[in-house]
Amino acid sequence: MKKLFLTLTLFLLVMVSPVYALGFENVTVLNNSDSYKGGTPKIEGNGTRNVTITFDAAKLKIVEKDLDLGRPIDAAWLGVKVVAPKDVPIATLKQAKYTSNGSEPELFWSSQDSNKSESQEDEHYIYVYGAVTEEHLTNATKKGTMIKYTWLFDWDNDGDNDQTVTILINPEELVLTAKDTETELWNEDKFDELKPVVESPDTSDKLPAYIGFMTMSLFAGMYATKKIAE
């Protein structure tokens, strides 16, 4: 099939206006100063088959769960708007599937947040979300990893993955506040407290061997020099 294009819009559910847009190929990031304490999400990929967005330095706030909105737990939510490629016929798009973090495949058409229009010109999209809680941040920090969410899209329904969208959330510089107060549940101090300690390798037992090697190298060099002089 023709080259597939993916349009992504990232947003924070706790976002307030004003916002400004930053472009990366056909990926658009919505950002604002009240949601971030510095920097912007790092976006990598070719904009079509694979896109990875890494969040750090974000200031997030817990919101209450709402099953009607697809929020099963109290958490801060990072979302991505995924727009179906325009070159996929509607009949094929109705059978397109996607998986979320290893879940069973779901029909894009049934799950979409856009109008289920039959027009090829209309935009068809779905919002997918990644939760951020104190537990998520704690577990990732202890493991020395990032929080990771991945979505796979099979737009032409041929059984092969056409596009991968990945969100990575770095616990190191995030600030997470409680839903009803400004109490900080997570910050850099919490990260430093829980991060794995990387110990320097103990080389004391290798010191005698190292000294022996250096001594032999010295004598070999002296012998070679003597031979050259002769």
C-alpha atoms as a PDB file:
ATOM      1  CA  MET A   1       0.000   0.000   0.000  1.00  0.00           C
ATOM      2  CA  LYS A   2       1.033   3.664  -0.264  1.00  0.00           C
ATOM      3  CA  LYS A   3       3.306   5.212   2.326  1.00  0.00           C
ATOM      4  CA  LEU A   4       1.365   5.624   5.554  1.00  0.00           C
ATOM      5  CA  PHE A   5       1.366   8.867   7.434  1.00  0.00           C
ATOM      6  CA  LEU A   6       0.616   9.335  11.117  1.00  0.00           C
ATOM      7  CA  THR A   7      -0.490  12.559  12.722  1.00  0.00           C
ATOM      8  CA  LEU A   8       0.108  12.786  16.440  1.00  0.00           C
ATOM      9  CA  THR A   9      -0.935  15.402  18.931  1.00  0.00           C
ATOM     10  CA  LEU A  10       0.467  15.152  22.451  1.00  0.00           C
ATOM     11  CA  PHE A  11      -1.255  16.865  25.307  1.00  0.00           C
ATOM     12  CA  LEU A  12      -1.517  16.887  29.080  1.00  0.00           C
ATOM     13  CA  LEU A  13      -5.005  16.445  30.486  1.00  0.00           C
ATOM     14  CA  VAL A  14      -4.149  18.987  33.170  1.00  0.00           C
ATOM     15  CA  MET A  15      -3.179  21.489  30.472  1.00  0.00           C
ATOM     16  CA  VAL A  16      -4.402  25.044  30.690  1.00  0.00           C
ATOM     17  CA  SER A  17      -4.148  27.746  28.037  1.00  0.00           C
ATOM     18  CA  PRO A  18      -2.262  29.269  26.403  1.00  0.00           C
ATOM     19  CA  VAL A  19      -0.547  26.599  24.348  1.00  0.00           C
ATOM     20  CA  TYR A  20       1.931  26.713  21.531  1.00  0.00           C
ATOM     21  CA  ALA A  21       2.776  24.128  18.909  1.00  0.00           C
ATOM     22  CA  LEU A  22       6.141  22.686  17.960  1.00  0.00           C
ATOM     23  CA  GLY A  23       6.436  20.765  14.713  1.00  0.00           C
ATOM     24  CA  PHE A  24       8.411  17.638  13.907  1.00  0.00           C
ATOM     25  CA  GLU A  25       7.698  16.318  10.419  1.00  0.00           C
ATOM     26  CA  ASN A  26       4.029  15.349  10.698  1.00  0.00           C
ATOM     27  CA  VAL A  27       4.113  15.126  14.501  1.00  0.00           C
ATOM     28  CA  THR A  28       2.704  18.060  16.475  1.00  0.00           C
ATOM     29  CA  VAL A  29       3.395  18.625  20.158  1.00  0.00           C
ATOM     30  CA  LEU A  30       1.171  20.852  22.256  1.00  0.00           C
ATOM     31  CA  ASN A  31       3.014  22.323  25.201  1.00  0.00           C
ATOM     32  CA  ASN A  32       2.594  25.081  27.765  1.00  0.00           C
ATOM     33  CA  SER A  33       4.631  26.689  30.493  1.00  0.00           C
ATOM     34  CA  ASP A  34       2.225  25.710  33.282  1.00  0.00           C
ATOM     35  CA  SER A  35       2.589  22.012  32.523  1.00  0.00           C
ATOM     36  CA  TYR A  36       6.356  21.914  32.114  1.00  0.00           C
ATOM     37  CA  LYS A  37       9.082  23.207  34.369  1.00  0.00           C
ATOM     38  CA  GLY A  38      11.634  23.138  31.565  1.00  0.00           C
ATOM     39  CA  GLY A  39      12.365  21.660  28.183  1.00  0.00           C
ATOM     40  CA  THR A  40       9.989  19.979  25.756  1.00  0.00           C
ATOM     41  CA  PRO A  41       9.218  16.357  24.924  1.00  0.00           C
ATOM     42  CA  LYS A  42      11.910  14.726  22.812  1.00  0.00           C
ATOM     43  CA  ILE A  43      10.463  13.275  19.618  1.00  0.00           C
ATOM     44  CA  GLU A  44      12.336  10.692  17.575  1.00  0.00           C
ATOM     45  CA  GLY A  45      11.394   8.609  14.557  1.00  0.00           C
ATOM     46  CA  ASN A  46      10.525   8.978  10.917  1.00  0.00           C
ATOM     47  CA  GLY A  47       7.020  10.237  11.573  1.00  0.00           C
ATOM     48  CA  THR A  48       5.420   7.344   9.733  1.00  0.00           C
ATOM     49  CA  ARG A  49       6.350   3.862  10.856  1.00  0.00           C
ATOM     50  CA  ASN A  50       7.851   4.543  14.276  1.00  0.00           C
ATOM     51  CA  VAL A  51       7.514   7.511  16.602  1.00  0.00           C
ATOM     52  CA  THR A  52       8.930   7.702  20.132  1.00  0.00           C
ATOM     53  CA  ILE A  53       8.141  10.589  22.471  1.00  0.00           C
ATOM     54  CA  THR A  54      10.197  10.967  25.655  1.00  0.00           C
ATOM     55  CA  PHE A  55       8.806  13.150  28.435  1.00  0.00           C
ATOM     56  CA  ASP A  56      11.048  14.618  31.087  1.00  0.00           C
ATOM     57  CA  ALA A  57      10.936  17.802  33.144  1.00  0.00           C
ATOM     58  CA  ALA A  58       7.119  17.641  33.083  1.00  0.00           C
ATOM     59  CA  LYS A  59       4.978  18.922  35.927  1.00  0.00           C
ATOM     60  CA  LEU A  60       1.928  16.665  36.236  1.00  0.00           C
ATOM     61  CA  LYS A  61      -1.120  16.561  38.480  1.00  0.00           C
ATOM     62  CA  ILE A  62      -3.266  13.591  39.512  1.00  0.00           C
ATOM     63  CA  VAL A  63      -6.876  13.695  38.271  1.00  0.00           C
ATOM     64  CA  GLU A  64      -9.719  11.576  39.584  1.00  0.00           C
ATOM     65  CA  LYS A  65     -10.638   8.380  37.777  1.00  0.00           C
ATOM     66  CA  ASP A  66     -13.554   8.560  35.366  1.00  0.00           C
ATOM     67  CA  LEU A  67     -14.612   5.334  33.698  1.00  0.00           C
ATOM     68  CA  ASP A  68     -16.779   7.198  31.190  1.00  0.00           C
ATOM     69  CA  LEU A  69     -13.643   8.953  29.959  1.00  0.00           C
ATOM     70  CA  GLY A  70     -11.568   5.779  30.018  1.00  0.00           C
ATOM     71  CA  ARG A  71      -9.641   6.639  33.192  1.00  0.00           C
ATOM     72  CA  PRO A  72      -9.731   3.499  35.361  1.00  0.00           C
ATOM     73  CA  ILE A  73      -7.503   4.909  38.126  1.00  0.00           C
ATOM     74  CA  ASP A  74      -6.541   8.194  39.760  1.00  0.00           C
ATOM     75  CA  ALA A  75      -3.500   9.316  37.756  1.00  0.00           C
ATOM     76  CA  ALA A  76      -1.955  12.014  35.620  1.00  0.00           C
ATOM     77  CA  TRP A  77      -2.448  11.187  31.951  1.00  0.00           C
ATOM     78  CA  LEU A  78      -0.268  11.777  28.934  1.00  0.00           C
ATOM     79  CA  GLY A  79      -2.158  11.379  25.705  1.00  0.00           C
ATOM     80  CA  VAL A  80      -1.565  10.989  22.002  1.00  0.00           C
ATOM     81  CA  LYS A  81      -4.002  11.749  19.223  1.00  0.00           C
ATOM     82  CA  VAL A  82      -3.493   9.201  16.448  1.00  0.00           C
ATOM     83  CA  VAL A  83      -5.045  10.054  13.091  1.00  0.00           C
ATOM     84  CA  ALA A  84      -5.661   7.304  10.544  1.00  0.00           C
ATOM     85  CA  PRO A  85      -3.821   7.604   7.193  1.00  0.00           C
ATOM     86  CA  LYS A  86      -5.885   9.278   4.492  1.00  0.00           C
ATOM     87  CA  ASP A  87      -4.930   6.669   1.888  1.00  0.00           C
ATOM     88  CA  VAL A  88      -6.669   3.818   3.713  1.00  0.00           C
ATOM     89  CA  PRO A  89     -10.122   3.179   2.178  1.00  0.00           C
ATOM     90  CA  ILE A  90     -13.026   3.420   4.613  1.00  0.00           C
ATOM     91  CA  ALA A  91     -13.963  -0.226   4.029  1.00  0.00           C
ATOM     92  CA  THR A  92     -10.426  -1.260   5.047  1.00  0.00           C
ATOM     93  CA  LEU A  93     -10.270   1.223   7.938  1.00  0.00           C
ATOM     94  CA  LYS A  94     -13.378  -0.342   9.440  1.00  0.00           C
ATOM     95  CA  GLN A  95     -11.347  -3.543   9.884  1.00  0.00           C
ATOM     96  CA  ALA A  96      -8.117  -1.863  11.059  1.00  0.00           C
ATOM     97  CA  LYS A  97      -6.865  -3.036  14.432  1.00  0.00           C
ATOM     98  CA  TYR A  98      -4.536  -1.757  17.131  1.00  0.00           C
ATOM     99  CA  THR A  99      -3.055  -3.155  20.322  1.00  0.00           C
ATOM    100  CA  SER A 100      -2.107  -1.317  23.476  1.00  0.00           C
ATOM    101  CA  ASN A 101       0.814  -2.476  25.610  1.00  0.00           C
ATOM    102  CA  GLY A 102       0.333  -6.122  24.697  1.00  0.00           C
ATOM    103  CA  SER A 103      -3.474  -6.164  24.930  1.00  0.00           C
ATOM    104  CA  GLU A 104      -5.778  -8.075  22.625  1.00  0.00           C
ATOM    105  CA  PRO A 105      -6.355  -6.355  19.241  1.00  0.00           C
ATOM    106  CA  GLU A 106      -9.209  -3.831  19.135  1.00  0.00           C
ATOM    107  CA  LEU A 107     -11.036  -2.326  16.166  1.00  0.00           C
ATOM    108  CA  PHE A 108      -9.916   1.221  15.486  1.00  0.00           C
ATOM    109  CA  TRP A 109     -13.287   2.081  13.946  1.00  0.00           C
ATOM    110  CA  SER A 110     -15.220   1.132  17.075  1.00  0.00           C
ATOM    111  CA  SER A 111     -12.768   2.817  19.434  1.00  0.00           C
ATOM    112  CA  GLN A 112     -12.211   6.058  17.526  1.00  0.00           C
ATOM    113  CA  ASP A 113     -13.038   9.349  19.215  1.00  0.00           C
ATOM    114  CA  SER A 114     -13.908  11.033  15.929  1.00  0.00           C
ATOM    115  CA  ASN A 115     -17.193  10.922  14.064  1.00  0.00           C
ATOM    116  CA  LYS A 116     -17.690   7.576  12.336  1.00  0.00           C
ATOM    117  CA  SER A 117     -18.181   9.325   9.023  1.00  0.00           C
ATOM    118  CA  GLU A 118     -18.111   7.346   5.788  1.00  0.00           C
ATOM    119  CA  SER A 119     -16.318  10.180   4.004  1.00  0.00           C
ATOM    120  CA  GLN A 120     -12.763   9.484   2.882  1.00  0.00           C
ATOM    121  CA  GLU A 121     -11.921  13.171   3.413  1.00  0.00           C
ATOM    122  CA  ASP A 122     -12.926  13.317   7.073  1.00  0.00           C
ATOM    123  CA  GLU A 123     -10.363  12.870   9.827  1.00  0.00           C
ATOM    124  CA  HIS A 124     -10.557   9.637  11.812  1.00  0.00           C
ATOM    125  CA  TYR A 125      -8.602   9.594  15.064  1.00  0.00           C
ATOM    126  CA  ILE A 126      -8.289   7.986  18.450  1.00  0.00           C
ATOM    127  CA  TYR A 127      -6.927   9.275  21.747  1.00  0.00           C
ATOM    128  CA  VAL A 128      -4.645   6.868  23.586  1.00  0.00           C
ATOM    129  CA  TYR A 129      -3.321   7.526  27.072  1.00  0.00           C
ATOM    130  CA  GLY A 130      -0.503   6.599  29.408  1.00  0.00           C
ATOM    131  CA  ALA A 131      -1.046   6.839  33.175  1.00  0.00           C
ATOM    132  CA  VAL A 132       1.489   8.329  35.574  1.00  0.00           C
ATOM    133  CA  THR A 133       1.197   7.570  39.281  1.00  0.00           C
ATOM    134  CA  GLU A 134       3.579   7.604  42.202  1.00  0.00           C
ATOM    135  CA  GLU A 135       3.673   3.796  42.014  1.00  0.00           C
ATOM    136  CA  HIS A 136       4.600   3.860  38.314  1.00  0.00           C
ATOM    137  CA  LEU A 137       7.389   6.342  39.001  1.00  0.00           C
ATOM    138  CA  THR A 138       8.656   4.369  42.007  1.00  0.00           C
ATOM    139  CA  ASN A 139       8.756   1.048  40.168  1.00  0.00           C
ATOM    140  CA  ALA A 140      10.501   2.511  37.116  1.00  0.00           C
ATOM    141  CA  THR A 141      13.091   4.289  39.253  1.00  0.00           C
ATOM    142  CA  LYS A 142      13.935   1.193  41.274  1.00  0.00           C
ATOM    143  CA  LYS A 143      14.411  -0.758  38.040  1.00  0.00           C
ATOM    144  CA  GLY A 144      16.468   2.013  36.462  1.00  0.00           C
ATOM    145  CA  THR A 145      14.030   2.303  33.531  1.00  0.00           C
ATOM    146  CA  MET A 146      11.419   4.699  32.160  1.00  0.00           C
ATOM    147  CA  ILE A 147       7.653   4.292  32.217  1.00  0.00           C
ATOM    148  CA  LYS A 148       6.768   2.950  28.782  1.00  0.00           C
ATOM    149  CA  TYR A 149       3.539   2.785  26.783  1.00  0.00           C
ATOM    150  CA  THR A 150       3.349   1.377  23.259  1.00  0.00           C
ATOM    151  CA  TRP A 151       0.598   1.204  20.652  1.00  0.00           C
ATOM    152  CA  LEU A 152       0.768  -0.862  17.446  1.00  0.00           C
ATOM    153  CA  PHE A 153      -1.473  -0.071  14.476  1.00  0.00           C
ATOM    154  CA  ASP A 154      -2.354  -2.415  11.601  1.00  0.00           C
ATOM    155  CA  TRP A 155      -4.039   0.071   9.293  1.00  0.00           C
ATOM    156  CA  ASP A 156      -4.537  -2.176   6.265  1.00  0.00           C
ATOM    157  CA  ASN A 157      -5.616  -5.223   8.288  1.00  0.00           C
ATOM    158  CA  ASP A 158      -3.032  -7.547   6.760  1.00  0.00           C
ATOM    159  CA  GLY A 159      -1.810  -8.904  10.106  1.00  0.00           C
ATOM    160  CA  ASP A 160       1.416  -6.872  10.072  1.00  0.00           C
ATOM    161  CA  ASN A 161       2.163  -3.847  12.224  1.00  0.00           C
ATOM    162  CA  ASP A 162       2.241  -0.649  10.124  1.00  0.00           C
ATOM    163  CA  GLN A 163       3.007   1.902  12.816  1.00  0.00           C
ATOM    164  CA  THR A 164       4.336   1.995  16.370  1.00  0.00           C
ATOM    165  CA  VAL A 165       3.774   4.869  18.770  1.00  0.00           C
ATOM    166  CA  THR A 166       5.759   4.820  22.021  1.00  0.00           C
ATOM    167  CA  ILE A 167       5.643   7.165  24.986  1.00  0.00           C
ATOM    168  CA  LEU A 168       8.584   7.102  27.408  1.00  0.00           C
ATOM    169  CA  ILE A 169       8.308   8.953  30.723  1.00  0.00           C
ATOM    170  CA  ASN A 170      11.541   9.705  32.564  1.00  0.00           C
ATOM    171  CA  PRO A 171      11.050   9.779  36.367  1.00  0.00           C
ATOM    172  CA  GLU A 172      14.227  11.752  37.052  1.00  0.00           C
ATOM    173  CA  GLU A 173      12.976  15.308  36.644  1.00  0.00           C
ATOM    174  CA  LEU A 174       9.208  14.880  36.877  1.00  0.00           C
ATOM    175  CA  VAL A 175       7.081  16.587  39.497  1.00  0.00           C
ATOM    176  CA  LEU A 176       3.770  14.899  40.345  1.00  0.00           C
ATOM    177  CA  THR A 177       1.258  16.621  42.617  1.00  0.00           C
ATOM    178  CA  ALA A 178      -1.818  15.308  44.412  1.00  0.00           C
ATOM    179  CA  LYS A 179      -5.251  15.765  42.839  1.00  0.00           C
ATOM    180  CA  ASP A 180      -6.743  17.969  45.565  1.00  0.00           C
ATOM    181  CA  THR A 181      -3.688  19.855  46.803  1.00  0.00           C
ATOM    182  CA  GLU A 182      -0.310  21.045  45.625  1.00  0.00           C
ATOM    183  CA  THR A 183       1.405  18.364  47.706  1.00  0.00           C
ATOM    184  CA  GLU A 184       4.273  16.912  45.717  1.00  0.00           C
ATOM    185  CA  LEU A 185       4.008  13.137  45.563  1.00  0.00           C
ATOM    186  CA  TRP A 186       7.089  12.867  43.378  1.00  0.00           C
ATOM    187  CA  ASN A 187      10.075  15.094  42.682  1.00  0.00           C
ATOM    188  CA  GLU A 188      13.828  14.905  42.084  1.00  0.00           C
ATOM    189  CA  ASP A 189      14.517  14.264  45.782  1.00  0.00           C
ATOM    190  CA  LYS A 190      12.238  11.218  45.702  1.00  0.00           C
ATOM    191  CA  PHE A 191      13.984   9.994  42.564  1.00  0.00           C
ATOM    192  CA  ASP A 192      17.439  10.386  44.141  1.00  0.00           C
ATOM    193  CA  GLU A 193      16.230   8.505  47.213  1.00  0.00           C
ATOM    194  CA  LEU A 194      15.030   5.482  45.244  1.00  0.00           C
ATOM    195  CA  LYS A 195      17.343   5.266  42.244  1.00  0.00           C
ATOM    196  CA  PRO A 196      19.675   2.247  42.139  1.00  0.00           C
ATOM    197  CA  VAL A 197      23.173   2.851  43.452  1.00  0.00           C
ATOM    198  CA  VAL A 198      25.779   2.064  40.826  1.00  0.00           C
ATOM    199  CA  GLU A 199      28.913   0.910  42.600  1.00  0.00           C
ATOM    200  CA  SER A 200      32.350   1.309  41.097  1.00  0.00           C
ATOM    201  CA  PRO A 201      33.870  -2.058  40.163  1.00  0.00           C
ATOM    202  CA  ASP A 202      36.329  -3.450  42.696  1.00  0.00           C
ATOM    203  CA  THR A 203      39.674  -3.786  40.922  1.00  0.00           C
ATOM    204  CA  SER A 204      41.822  -4.395  43.999  1.00  0.00           C
ATOM    205  CA  ASP A 205      42.092  -8.128  43.286  1.00  0.00           C
ATOM    206  CA  LYS A 206      43.322  -7.358  39.756  1.00  0.00           C
ATOM    207  CA  LEU A 207      46.065  -4.974  40.912  1.00  0.00           C
ATOM    208  CA  PRO A 208      48.885  -7.591  41.239  1.00  0.00           C
ATOM    209  CA  ALA A 209      48.188  -8.897  37.734  1.00  0.00           C
ATOM    210  CA  TYR A 210      48.155  -5.369  36.377  1.00  0.00           C
ATOM    211  CA  ILE A 211      51.493  -4.582  38.026  1.00  0.00           C
ATOM    212  CA  GLY A 212      52.969  -7.802  36.633  1.00  0.00           C
ATOM    213  CA  PHE A 213      51.752  -6.949  33.141  1.00  0.00           C
ATOM    214  CA  MET A 214      53.194  -3.452  33.294  1.00  0.00           C
ATOM    215  CA  THR A 215      56.539  -4.823  34.570  1.00  0.00           C
ATOM    216  CA  MET A 216      56.766  -7.341  31.748  1.00  0.00           C
ATOM    217  CA  SER A 217      55.876  -4.625  29.232  1.00  0.00           C
ATOM    218  CA  LEU A 218      58.637  -2.408  30.625  1.00  0.00           C
ATOM    219  CA  PHE A 219      61.285  -5.146  30.365  1.00  0.00           C
ATOM    220  CA  ALA A 220      60.099  -6.058  26.852  1.00  0.00           C
ATOM    221  CA  GLY A 221      60.450  -2.441  25.818  1.00  0.00           C
ATOM    222  CA  MET A 222      63.946  -2.181  27.286  1.00  0.00           C
ATOM    223  CA  TYR A 223      65.022  -5.403  25.534  1.00  0.00           C
ATOM    224  CA  ALA A 224      63.684  -4.161  22.173  1.00  0.00           C
ATOM    225  CA  THR A 225      65.487  -0.862  22.599  1.00  0.00           C
ATOM    226  CA  LYS A 226      68.760  -2.686  23.369  1.00  0.00           C
ATOM    227  CA  LYS A 227      68.437  -4.860  20.264  1.00  0.00           C
ATOM    228  CA  ILE A 228      67.804  -1.846  18.062  1.00  0.00           C
ATOM    229  CA  ALA A 229      70.897  -0.131  19.513  1.00  0.00           C
ATOM    230  CA  GLU A 230      73.064  -3.193  18.745  1.00  0.00           C
END
